PDB file of N, CA and C in Angstrom:
ATOM      1  N   UNK A   1      -2.035 -14.644  18.105  1.00  0.00           N
ATOM      2  CA  UNK A   1      -1.845 -15.904  17.134  1.00  0.00           C
ATOM      3  C   UNK A   1      -1.558 -16.947  18.053  1.00  0.00           C
ATOM      4  N   UNK A   2      -1.704 -17.995  17.692  1.00  0.00           N
ATOM      5  CA  UNK A   2      -1.804 -19.415  18.510  1.00  0.00           C
ATOM      6  C   UNK A   2      -0.334 -20.016  18.675  1.00  0.00           C
ATOM      7  N   UNK A   3       0.477 -19.534  17.967  1.00  0.00           N
ATOM      8  CA  UNK A   3       2.101 -19.988  17.470  1.00  0.00           C
ATOM      9  C   UNK A   3       3.067 -18.752  17.527  1.00  0.00           C
ATOM     10  N   UNK A   4       4.203 -18.758  17.887  1.00  0.00           N
ATOM     11  CA  UNK A   4       5.135 -17.687  17.699  1.00  0.00           C
ATOM     12  C   UNK A   4       5.064 -17.226  16.161  1.00  0.00           C
ATOM     13  N   UNK A   5       5.171 -18.002  14.818  1.00  0.00           N
ATOM     14  CA  UNK A   5       4.685 -17.798  13.590  1.00  0.00           C
ATOM     15  C   UNK A   5       3.367 -17.159  13.412  1.00  0.00           C
ATOM     16  N   UNK A   6       2.479 -17.436  13.921  1.00  0.00           N
ATOM     17  CA  UNK A   6       1.229 -16.794  13.540  1.00  0.00           C
ATOM     18  C   UNK A   6       1.159 -15.543  14.115  1.00  0.00           C
ATOM     19  N   UNK A   7       1.890 -15.176  15.696  1.00  0.00           N
ATOM     20  CA  UNK A   7       2.063 -14.069  15.961  1.00  0.00           C
ATOM     21  C   UNK A   7       2.781 -13.266  15.117  1.00  0.00           C
ATOM     22  N   UNK A   8       3.728 -13.529  14.700  1.00  0.00           N
ATOM     23  CA  UNK A   8       4.928 -12.581  14.024  1.00  0.00           C
ATOM     24  C   UNK A   8       4.257 -12.173  12.898  1.00  0.00           C
ATOM     25  N   UNK A   9       3.543 -13.160  11.994  1.00  0.00           N
ATOM     26  CA  UNK A   9       2.701 -12.609  10.854  1.00  0.00           C
ATOM     27  C   UNK A   9       1.695 -11.663  11.140  1.00  0.00           C
ATOM     28  N   UNK A  10       1.362 -11.897  12.006  1.00  0.00           N
ATOM     29  CA  UNK A  10      -0.014 -10.903  12.586  1.00  0.00           C
ATOM     30  C   UNK A  10       0.753  -9.619  12.647  1.00  0.00           C
ATOM     31  N   UNK A  11       1.791  -9.830  13.964  1.00  0.00           N
ATOM     32  CA  UNK A  11       2.614  -8.366  13.753  1.00  0.00           C
ATOM     33  C   UNK A  11       2.854  -7.535  12.664  1.00  0.00           C
ATOM     34  N   UNK A  12       3.605  -8.348  12.026  1.00  0.00           N
ATOM     35  CA  UNK A  12       4.021  -7.731  10.663  1.00  0.00           C
ATOM     36  C   UNK A  12       3.146  -7.274   9.856  1.00  0.00           C
ATOM     37  N   UNK A  13       2.055  -7.830   9.424  1.00  0.00           N
ATOM     38  CA  UNK A  13       0.789  -7.284   8.691  1.00  0.00           C
ATOM     39  C   UNK A  13       0.196  -5.804   9.272  1.00  0.00           C
ATOM     40  N   UNK A  14      -0.587  -6.072  10.460  1.00  0.00           N
ATOM     41  CA  UNK A  14      -1.211  -4.979  11.513  1.00  0.00           C
ATOM     42  C   UNK A  14      -0.222  -4.023  11.703  1.00  0.00           C
ATOM     43  N   UNK A  15       1.463  -4.096  11.725  1.00  0.00           N
ATOM     44  CA  UNK A  15       1.979  -3.261  12.060  1.00  0.00           C
ATOM     45  C   UNK A  15       2.326  -2.450  10.629  1.00  0.00           C
ATOM     46  N   UNK A  16       2.687  -3.152   9.474  1.00  0.00           N
ATOM     47  CA  UNK A  16       2.441  -2.349   8.324  1.00  0.00           C
ATOM     48  C   UNK A  16       1.353  -1.337   7.934  1.00  0.00           C
ATOM     49  N   UNK A  17       0.177  -2.306   8.319  1.00  0.00           N
ATOM     50  CA  UNK A  17      -1.024  -1.397   7.733  1.00  0.00           C
ATOM     51  C   UNK A  17      -1.270  -0.012   8.859  1.00  0.00           C
ATOM     52  N   UNK A  18      -1.155  -0.380   9.779  1.00  0.00           N
ATOM     53  CA  UNK A  18      -1.016   0.858  10.806  1.00  0.00           C
ATOM     54  C   UNK A  18      -0.149   2.039  10.115  1.00  0.00           C
ATOM     55  N   UNK A  19       1.149   1.622  10.035  1.00  0.00           N
ATOM     56  CA  UNK A  19       2.271   2.725   9.261  1.00  0.00           C
ATOM     57  C   UNK A  19       1.765   3.149   8.127  1.00  0.00           C
ATOM     58  N   UNK A  20       1.003   2.683   7.106  1.00  0.00           N
ATOM     59  CA  UNK A  20       0.535   2.874   6.174  1.00  0.00           C
ATOM     60  C   UNK A  20      -0.695   4.118   6.535  1.00  0.00           C
ATOM     61  N   UNK A  21      -1.417   3.459   7.214  1.00  0.00           N
ATOM     62  CA  UNK A  21      -2.708   4.617   7.687  1.00  0.00           C
ATOM     63  C   UNK A  21      -2.242   5.863   8.421  1.00  0.00           C
ATOM     64  N   UNK A  22      -1.044   5.852   9.021  1.00  0.00           N
ATOM     65  CA  UNK A  22      -0.603   6.715  10.168  1.00  0.00           C
ATOM     66  C   UNK A  22       0.231   7.957   8.793  1.00  0.00           C
ATOM     67  N   UNK A  23       0.848   7.112   7.928  1.00  0.00           N
ATOM     68  CA  UNK A  23       1.474   8.094   6.865  1.00  0.00           C
ATOM     69  C   UNK A  23       0.236   8.608   5.957  1.00  0.00           C
ATOM     70  N   UNK A  24      -0.703   8.297   5.503  1.00  0.00           N
ATOM     71  CA  UNK A  24      -1.883   8.720   4.679  1.00  0.00           C
ATOM     72  C   UNK A  24      -2.305   9.719   5.493  1.00  0.00           C
ATOM     73  N   UNK A  25      -2.805   9.807   6.403  1.00  0.00           N
ATOM     74  CA  UNK A  25      -3.197  10.565   7.380  1.00  0.00           C
ATOM     75  C   UNK A  25      -2.248  11.883   7.538  1.00  0.00           C
ATOM     76  N   UNK A  26      -1.319  11.593   7.488  1.00  0.00           N
ATOM     77  CA  UNK A  26      -0.177  12.804   7.890  1.00  0.00           C
ATOM     78  C   UNK A  26      -0.039  13.536   6.153  1.00  0.00           C
ATOM     79  N   UNK A  27      -0.291  12.634   5.481  1.00  0.00           N
ATOM     80  CA  UNK A  27       0.133  13.209   3.921  1.00  0.00           C
ATOM     81  C   UNK A  27      -1.535  14.055   3.846  1.00  0.00           C
ATOM     82  N   UNK A  28      -2.528  13.548   4.009  1.00  0.00           N
ATOM     83  CA  UNK A  28      -3.705  14.107   3.671  1.00  0.00           C
ATOM     84  C   UNK A  28      -4.209  15.710   4.695  1.00  0.00           C
ATOM     85  N   UNK A  29      -3.070  15.338   5.639  1.00  0.00           N
ATOM     86  CA  UNK A  29      -3.150  16.565   6.582  1.00  0.00           C
ATOM     87  C   UNK A  29      -2.561  17.768   5.767  1.00  0.00           C
ATOM     88  N   UNK A  30      -1.327  17.236   5.793  1.00  0.00           N
ATOM     89  CA  UNK A  30      -0.536  18.465   5.013  1.00  0.00           C
ATOM     90  C   UNK A  30      -0.745  18.972   3.723  1.00  0.00           C
ATOM     91  N   UNK A  31      -1.361  17.756   2.771  1.00  0.00           N
ATOM     92  CA  UNK A  31      -1.640  18.244   1.478  1.00  0.00           C
ATOM     93  C   UNK A  31      -3.248  19.048   1.763  1.00  0.00           C
ATOM     94  N   UNK A  32      -3.972  18.852   2.448  1.00  0.00           N
ATOM     95  CA  UNK A  32      -5.253  19.671   3.030  1.00  0.00           C
ATOM     96  C   UNK A  32      -6.483  19.053   2.160  1.00  0.00           C
ATOM     97  N   UNK A  33      -6.213  17.646   1.795  1.00  0.00           N
ATOM     98  CA  UNK A  33      -7.291  16.984   1.575  1.00  0.00           C
ATOM     99  C   UNK A  33      -6.927  15.638   1.161  1.00  0.00           C
ATOM    100  N   UNK A  34      -7.635  15.195   0.508  1.00  0.00           N
ATOM    101  CA  UNK A  34      -7.605  13.293   0.242  1.00  0.00           C
ATOM    102  C   UNK A  34      -6.788  13.094  -0.839  1.00  0.00           C
ATOM    103  N   UNK A  35      -6.108  12.080  -0.958  1.00  0.00           N
ATOM    104  CA  UNK A  35      -5.555  11.700  -2.350  1.00  0.00           C
ATOM    105  C   UNK A  35      -6.203   9.925  -2.716  1.00  0.00           C
ATOM    106  N   UNK A  36      -6.005   9.421  -3.408  1.00  0.00           N
ATOM    107  CA  UNK A  36      -6.491   8.193  -3.613  1.00  0.00           C
ATOM    108  C   UNK A  36      -5.492   7.584  -3.409  1.00  0.00           C
ATOM    109  N   UNK A  37      -5.679   6.541  -2.612  1.00  0.00           N
ATOM    110  CA  UNK A  37      -4.738   5.355  -2.000  1.00  0.00           C
ATOM    111  C   UNK A  37      -4.560   4.081  -2.854  1.00  0.00           C
ATOM    112  N   UNK A  38      -3.775   3.681  -3.240  1.00  0.00           N
ATOM    113  CA  UNK A  38      -3.949   2.231  -4.195  1.00  0.00           C
ATOM    114  C   UNK A  38      -2.497   1.554  -3.693  1.00  0.00           C
ATOM    115  N   UNK A  39      -2.950   0.102  -3.321  1.00  0.00           N
ATOM    116  CA  UNK A  39      -2.081  -0.406  -3.011  1.00  0.00           C
ATOM    117  C   UNK A  39      -1.387  -1.458  -4.357  1.00  0.00           C
ATOM    118  N   UNK A  40      -0.302  -1.679  -3.983  1.00  0.00           N
ATOM    119  CA  UNK A  40       0.467  -2.490  -5.378  1.00  0.00           C
ATOM    120  C   UNK A  40       1.579  -3.084  -5.077  1.00  0.00           C
ATOM    121  N   UNK A  41       1.580  -4.245  -5.545  1.00  0.00           N
ATOM    122  CA  UNK A  41       2.925  -4.984  -5.186  1.00  0.00           C
ATOM    123  C   UNK A  41       2.108  -6.486  -4.642  1.00  0.00           C
ATOM    124  N   UNK A  42       3.176  -7.379  -4.209  1.00  0.00           N
ATOM    125  CA  UNK A  42       2.940  -8.846  -3.769  1.00  0.00           C
ATOM    126  C   UNK A  42       2.020  -8.770  -2.999  1.00  0.00           C
ATOM    127  N   UNK A  43       2.003  -8.517  -1.683  1.00  0.00           N
ATOM    128  CA  UNK A  43       0.657  -8.482  -0.507  1.00  0.00           C
ATOM    129  C   UNK A  43      -0.143  -7.222  -0.562  1.00  0.00           C
ATOM    130  N   UNK A  44      -0.531  -6.634  -1.502  1.00  0.00           N
ATOM    131  CA  UNK A  44      -1.367  -5.182  -1.437  1.00  0.00           C
ATOM    132  C   UNK A  44      -2.577  -6.033  -1.099  1.00  0.00           C
ATOM    133  N   UNK A  45      -3.000  -6.801  -1.448  1.00  0.00           N
ATOM    134  CA  UNK A  45      -4.495  -7.418  -1.327  1.00  0.00           C
ATOM    135  C   UNK A  45      -4.593  -7.707   0.148  1.00  0.00           C
ATOM    136  N   UNK A  46      -3.732  -8.364   0.652  1.00  0.00           N
ATOM    137  CA  UNK A  46      -3.760  -8.739   2.060  1.00  0.00           C
ATOM    138  C   UNK A  46      -3.595  -7.259   2.744  1.00  0.00           C
ATOM    139  N   UNK A  47      -2.653  -6.507   2.658  1.00  0.00           N
ATOM    140  CA  UNK A  47      -2.612  -5.273   3.125  1.00  0.00           C
ATOM    141  C   UNK A  47      -4.025  -4.354   3.207  1.00  0.00           C
ATOM    142  N   UNK A  48      -4.541  -4.282   2.032  1.00  0.00           N
ATOM    143  CA  UNK A  48      -5.785  -3.378   2.003  1.00  0.00           C
ATOM    144  C   UNK A  48      -6.964  -4.166   2.906  1.00  0.00           C
ATOM    145  N   UNK A  49      -6.943  -5.393   3.426  1.00  0.00           N
ATOM    146  CA  UNK A  49      -8.117  -5.729   4.064  1.00  0.00           C
ATOM    147  C   UNK A  49      -7.656  -5.504   5.116  1.00  0.00           C
ATOM    148  N   UNK A  50      -6.658  -5.075   5.797  1.00  0.00           N
ATOM    149  CA  UNK A  50      -6.289  -4.437   7.154  1.00  0.00           C
ATOM    150  C   UNK A  50      -6.128  -2.826   7.076  1.00  0.00           C
ATOM    151  N   UNK A  51      -6.104  -2.534   6.225  1.00  0.00           N
ATOM    152  CA  UNK A  51      -5.713  -0.962   6.257  1.00  0.00           C
ATOM    153  C   UNK A  51      -6.997  -0.145   6.076  1.00  0.00           C
ATOM    154  N   UNK A  52      -7.258   0.809   6.851  1.00  0.00           N
ATOM    155  CA  UNK A  52      -8.280   1.919   6.996  1.00  0.00           C
ATOM    156  C   UNK A  52      -8.449   2.591   5.762  1.00  0.00           C
ATOM    157  N   UNK A  53      -7.025   3.080   5.087  1.00  0.00           N
ATOM    158  CA  UNK A  53      -7.124   4.106   4.362  1.00  0.00           C
ATOM    159  C   UNK A  53      -6.608   3.803   2.401  1.00  0.00           C
ATOM    160  N   UNK A  54      -6.598   2.361   2.507  1.00  0.00           N
ATOM    161  CA  UNK A  54      -6.314   1.974   1.024  1.00  0.00           C
ATOM    162  C   UNK A  54      -7.716   1.792   0.526  1.00  0.00           C
ATOM    163  N   UNK A  55      -7.604   2.290  -1.000  1.00  0.00           N
ATOM    164  CA  UNK A  55      -9.376   2.347  -1.139  1.00  0.00           C
ATOM    165  C   UNK A  55      -9.178   1.228  -2.660  1.00  0.00           C
ATOM    166  N   UNK A  56      -8.125   0.948  -3.130  1.00  0.00           N
ATOM    167  CA  UNK A  56      -8.006   0.097  -4.202  1.00  0.00           C
ATOM    168  C   UNK A  56      -6.987  -0.460  -4.564  1.00  0.00           C
ATOM    169  N   UNK A  57      -6.854  -1.638  -4.861  1.00  0.00           N
ATOM    170  CA  UNK A  57      -5.533  -2.450  -5.148  1.00  0.00           C
ATOM    171  C   UNK A  57      -5.211  -2.559  -6.794  1.00  0.00           C
ATOM    172  N   UNK A  58      -3.902  -2.374  -7.292  1.00  0.00           N
ATOM    173  CA  UNK A  58      -3.626  -2.830  -8.354  1.00  0.00           C
ATOM    174  C   UNK A  58      -2.040  -3.161  -8.315  1.00  0.00           C
ATOM    175  N   UNK A  59      -2.321  -4.357  -8.518  1.00  0.00           N
ATOM    176  CA  UNK A  59      -1.167  -5.018  -8.548  1.00  0.00           C
ATOM    177  C   UNK A  59      -0.132  -4.861  -9.610  1.00  0.00           C
ATOM    178  N   UNK A  60      -0.429  -4.384 -10.598  1.00  0.00           N
ATOM    179  CA  UNK A  60       0.296  -3.784 -11.733  1.00  0.00           C
ATOM    180  C   UNK A  60       0.788  -2.684 -11.978  1.00  0.00           C
ATOM    181  N   UNK A  61       0.083  -1.854 -11.028  1.00  0.00           N
ATOM    182  CA  UNK A  61       0.350  -0.090 -11.211  1.00  0.00           C
ATOM    183  C   UNK A  61       1.941   0.121 -11.410  1.00  0.00           C
ATOM    184  N   UNK A  62       3.113  -0.607 -10.555  1.00  0.00           N
ATOM    185  CA  UNK A  62       4.051  -0.092 -10.824  1.00  0.00           C
ATOM    186  C   UNK A  62       4.909  -0.704 -11.999  1.00  0.00           C
ATOM    187  N   UNK A  63       4.133  -1.629 -12.372  1.00  0.00           N
ATOM    188  CA  UNK A  63       4.873  -2.338 -13.763  1.00  0.00           C
ATOM    189  C   UNK A  63       4.255  -1.379 -15.029  1.00  0.00           C
ATOM    190  N   UNK A  64       3.093  -1.023 -15.097  1.00  0.00           N
ATOM    191  CA  UNK A  64       2.715  -0.249 -15.972  1.00  0.00           C
ATOM    192  C   UNK A  64       3.222   1.244 -15.897  1.00  0.00           C
ATOM    193  N   UNK A  65       3.466   1.938 -14.615  1.00  0.00           N
ATOM    194  CA  UNK A  65       4.259   3.111 -14.355  1.00  0.00           C
ATOM    195  C   UNK A  65       5.471   2.957 -15.151  1.00  0.00           C
ATOM    196  N   UNK A  66       6.173   1.908 -15.292  1.00  0.00           N
ATOM    197  CA  UNK A  66       7.657   1.745 -16.009  1.00  0.00           C
ATOM    198  C   UNK A  66       7.320   1.314 -16.920  1.00  0.00           C
ATOM    199  N   UNK A  67       6.133   0.830 -17.776  1.00  0.00           N
ATOM    200  CA  UNK A  67       6.100   0.803 -19.041  1.00  0.00           C
ATOM    201  C   UNK A  67       5.837   1.921 -19.494  1.00  0.00           C
ATOM    202  N   UNK A  68       5.144   2.824 -19.056  1.00  0.00           N
ATOM    203  CA  UNK A  68       4.721   4.511 -19.633  1.00  0.00           C
ATOM    204  C   UNK A  68       6.027   5.114 -19.831  1.00  0.00           C
ATOM    205  N   UNK A  69       7.168   4.929 -18.818  1.00  0.00           N
ATOM    206  CA  UNK A  69       8.237   5.489 -18.788  1.00  0.00           C
ATOM    207  C   UNK A  69       9.231   5.319 -19.656  1.00  0.00           C
ATOM    208  N   UNK A  70       9.228   3.758 -20.054  1.00  0.00           N
ATOM    209  CA  UNK A  70       9.884   3.074 -21.223  1.00  0.00           C
ATOM    210  C   UNK A  70       9.635   3.744 -22.469  1.00  0.00           C
ATOM    211  N   UNK A  71       8.131   3.792 -22.528  1.00  0.00           N
ATOM    212  CA  UNK A  71       7.608   4.189 -23.841  1.00  0.00           C
ATOM    213  C   UNK A  71       8.079   5.595 -24.529  1.00  0.00           C
ATOM    214  N   UNK A  72       8.081   6.679 -23.035  1.00  0.00           N
ATOM    215  CA  UNK A  72       8.166   7.929 -23.398  1.00  0.00           C
ATOM    216  C   UNK A  72       9.962   8.287 -23.453  1.00  0.00           C
ATOM    217  N   UNK A  73      10.706   7.357 -22.921  1.00  0.00           N
ATOM    218  CA  UNK A  73      12.144   7.544 -23.090  1.00  0.00           C
ATOM    219  C   UNK A  73      12.953   7.015 -24.148  1.00  0.00           C
ATOM    220  N   UNK A  74      12.208   5.818 -24.805  1.00  0.00           N
ATOM    221  CA  UNK A  74      13.069   5.206 -25.916  1.00  0.00           C
ATOM    222  C   UNK A  74      13.166   5.923 -26.616  1.00  0.00           C
ATOM    223  N   UNK A  75      14.480   5.626 -27.599  1.00  0.00           N
ATOM    224  CA  UNK A  75      14.825   6.257 -28.610  1.00  0.00           C
ATOM    225  C   UNK A  75      14.344   6.074 -29.895  1.00  0.00           C
TER     226      UNK A  75
END
């Protein structure tokens, strides 16, 4: 980055993308195969651009899961 602010932003994004990739590689190694990697949440799209392992983005995945849980557990 050209400024302190942009350098910090780059470090945060590239750092987290690297952490995601490292975790996915370890999980896949432990599982003996691949699993689909889906990014969700507020900066999912940006993370997916810099990650080698994120296959798709679904910003509503967490909310959809909570909806399903609610439907299954309501009385």
